[in-house]
């Protein structure tokens, strides 16, 4: 199983994803690492990505998910904002989405406080407008500590496995 920790930029995907991977004993991967350079350049310039921009990235991630499933699973941090994107990721096999639901003001505060990341706070509204809240994901608030958030996710995984 590959657990995809998803949400808009600033929701905590990477931090929570790494902690979840450690808790589950699985490798962690960040979807941002698989963006082609042209996508990173656009986002760095404050230009929202189009579906056409995302297509090769999503294909790559689906292939990686296939590999990670074959190797025993993983945790992937990935925005996966639209249902169509999540369907493409499902092509990689067993996937469970974990949606980090965070209020807009907290997202903006987190983005303003980040250094060394290509995603500017100016793209937050674009991401929120693109977000289609998943119906079949584990949905948790990421307003507490990382440990609290991970505990909620693990509890939901355990409950759904019964």
Protein backbone atom coordinates (compact mmCIF):
# COMPACT_ATOMS: atom_id res chain seq x y z
CA UNK A 1 0.00 0.00 0.00
CA UNK A 2 1.17 3.52 -0.79
CA UNK A 3 -0.22 6.21 1.48
CA UNK A 4 -0.47 9.56 -0.32
CA UNK A 5 -0.44 12.45 2.14
CA UNK A 6 -2.21 15.18 0.17
CA UNK A 7 -3.36 18.76 0.39
CA UNK A 8 -2.43 22.23 -0.74
CA UNK A 9 0.99 23.74 -0.24
CA UNK A 10 1.63 24.48 3.42
CA UNK A 11 -0.72 21.77 4.70
CA UNK A 12 2.15 19.77 6.18
CA UNK A 13 2.43 16.98 3.61
CA UNK A 14 6.18 16.57 3.86
CA UNK A 15 6.53 16.90 7.62
CA UNK A 16 3.53 14.67 8.37
CA UNK A 17 4.45 12.27 5.55
CA UNK A 18 7.96 11.74 6.91
CA UNK A 19 6.63 11.14 10.42
CA UNK A 20 3.93 8.77 9.13
CA UNK A 21 6.50 6.83 7.11
CA UNK A 22 8.70 6.46 10.19
CA UNK A 23 5.73 5.31 12.27
CA UNK A 24 4.67 2.75 9.63
CA UNK A 25 8.22 1.62 8.85
CA UNK A 26 7.91 2.62 5.20
CA UNK A 27 10.11 4.73 2.92
CA UNK A 28 9.08 8.33 2.33
CA UNK A 29 9.04 10.16 -1.01
CA UNK A 30 8.18 13.77 -1.79
CA UNK A 31 6.17 14.28 -4.98
CA UNK A 32 7.85 17.67 -5.47
CA UNK A 33 11.12 15.83 -6.16
CA UNK A 34 9.59 14.36 -9.32
CA UNK A 35 8.43 17.63 -10.93
CA UNK A 36 10.22 18.38 -14.19
CA UNK A 37 12.42 21.51 -14.09
CA UNK A 38 9.92 23.46 -16.21
CA UNK A 39 7.22 22.97 -13.55
CA UNK A 40 9.52 24.10 -10.76
CA UNK A 41 10.47 27.18 -12.81
CA UNK A 42 6.80 28.09 -13.37
CA UNK A 43 5.87 27.70 -9.71
CA UNK A 44 8.99 29.61 -8.61
CA UNK A 45 7.85 32.45 -10.86
CA UNK A 46 4.39 32.41 -9.25
CA UNK A 47 2.70 30.85 -12.29
CA UNK A 48 0.12 28.16 -11.49
CA UNK A 49 0.58 24.80 -13.19
CA UNK A 50 -1.96 23.65 -15.76
CA UNK A 51 -3.31 20.13 -16.10
CA UNK A 52 -1.01 19.73 -19.13
CA UNK A 53 1.97 20.70 -16.93
CA UNK A 54 0.96 18.12 -14.33
CA UNK A 55 0.34 15.25 -16.78
CA UNK A 56 3.93 13.95 -17.13
CA UNK A 57 4.51 14.44 -13.40
CA UNK A 58 1.43 12.38 -12.52
CA UNK A 59 2.43 9.64 -14.97
CA UNK A 60 5.85 9.47 -13.34
CA UNK A 61 4.29 9.28 -9.87
CA UNK A 62 1.90 6.49 -10.94
CA UNK A 63 4.87 4.49 -12.20
CA UNK A 64 6.76 5.13 -8.96
CA UNK A 65 3.69 4.05 -6.95
CA UNK A 66 3.68 0.80 -8.94
CA UNK A 67 7.36 0.29 -8.04
CA UNK A 68 6.83 1.18 -4.39
CA UNK A 69 3.86 -1.18 -4.11
CA UNK A 70 5.99 -3.98 -5.57
CA UNK A 71 8.67 -3.19 -2.97
CA UNK A 72 6.24 -3.36 -0.01
CA UNK A 73 4.70 0.13 0.14
CA UNK A 74 5.66 3.73 0.86
CA UNK A 75 4.41 7.13 1.94
CA UNK A 76 4.22 9.84 -0.72
CA UNK A 77 3.67 13.55 -0.11
CA UNK A 78 1.74 14.85 -3.11
CA UNK A 79 -0.77 17.65 -3.57
CA UNK A 80 -3.21 15.44 -5.59
CA UNK A 81 -5.63 18.37 -5.65
CA UNK A 82 -8.16 17.07 -8.19
CA UNK A 83 -10.07 13.81 -8.38
CA UNK A 84 -8.69 13.26 -11.89
CA UNK A 85 -5.13 13.52 -10.50
CA UNK A 86 -5.95 11.00 -7.78
CA UNK A 87 -7.38 8.64 -10.39
CA UNK A 88 -4.11 8.84 -12.31
CA UNK A 89 -2.19 8.00 -9.14
CA UNK A 90 -4.52 5.02 -8.55
CA UNK A 91 -3.17 3.56 -11.80
CA UNK A 92 -0.06 2.67 -9.78
CA UNK A 93 -2.02 0.16 -7.71
CA UNK A 94 -2.95 0.15 -4.04
CA UNK A 95 -3.21 3.76 -2.87
CA UNK A 96 -4.80 5.28 0.21
CA UNK A 97 -5.15 9.05 0.35
CA UNK A 98 -4.70 11.06 3.54
CA UNK A 99 -6.10 14.59 3.19
CA UNK A 100 -4.57 17.23 5.48
CA UNK A 101 -7.32 19.77 6.05
CA UNK A 102 -5.91 23.10 7.24
CA UNK A 103 -7.59 26.53 7.51
CA UNK A 104 -6.52 29.08 4.88
CA UNK A 105 -4.99 31.54 7.36
CA UNK A 106 -2.77 28.86 8.89
CA UNK A 107 -1.71 27.76 5.40
CA UNK A 108 -0.77 31.34 4.50
CA UNK A 109 1.15 31.76 7.76
CA UNK A 110 3.09 28.55 7.13
CA UNK A 111 3.93 29.53 3.54
CA UNK A 112 5.15 32.97 4.60
CA UNK A 113 7.38 31.35 7.22
CA UNK A 114 9.03 28.88 4.82
CA UNK A 115 12.45 29.39 3.32
CA UNK A 116 14.09 27.53 0.48
CA UNK A 117 10.86 26.26 -1.11
CA UNK A 118 9.77 27.12 -4.64
CA UNK A 119 6.06 27.54 -3.82
CA UNK A 120 5.18 31.17 -3.05
CA UNK A 121 2.23 32.21 -0.86
CA UNK A 122 0.78 33.99 -3.92
CA UNK A 123 -0.22 30.60 -5.39
CA UNK A 124 -2.26 29.56 -2.34
CA UNK A 125 -5.56 30.91 -3.71
CA UNK A 126 -4.94 29.08 -6.98
CA UNK A 127 -4.34 25.82 -5.12
CA UNK A 128 -7.44 26.25 -2.96
CA UNK A 129 -9.53 26.98 -6.07
CA UNK A 130 -8.19 23.81 -7.71
CA UNK A 131 -8.69 21.59 -4.64
CA UNK A 132 -11.48 19.02 -4.95
CA UNK A 133 -11.92 17.63 -1.45
CA UNK A 134 -11.68 13.84 -1.67
CA UNK A 135 -14.64 11.77 -0.57
CA UNK A 136 -12.75 8.54 0.04
CA UNK A 137 -9.64 9.81 1.86
CA UNK A 138 -8.68 9.72 5.50
CA UNK A 139 -9.36 13.36 6.41
CA UNK A 140 -7.52 14.90 9.34
CA UNK A 141 -6.91 18.39 10.60
CA UNK A 142 -3.23 19.31 10.73
CA UNK A 143 -3.56 22.07 13.29
CA UNK A 144 -2.01 20.21 16.21
CA UNK A 145 1.43 18.70 16.62
CA UNK A 146 2.88 16.37 14.01
CA UNK A 147 2.63 13.49 16.50
CA UNK A 148 -1.06 14.22 17.10
CA UNK A 149 -1.76 14.33 13.37
CA UNK A 150 0.12 11.09 12.73
CA UNK A 151 -1.71 9.40 15.61
CA UNK A 152 -5.06 10.36 14.01
CA UNK A 153 -3.94 8.96 10.67
CA UNK A 154 -2.67 5.69 12.14
CA UNK A 155 -5.90 5.26 14.12
CA UNK A 156 -7.92 5.78 10.92
CA UNK A 157 -5.74 3.30 9.02
CA UNK A 158 -6.18 0.72 11.77
CA UNK A 159 -9.95 1.28 11.92
CA UNK A 160 -10.33 0.91 8.14
CA UNK A 161 -8.22 -2.28 8.15
CA UNK A 162 -10.63 -4.12 10.42
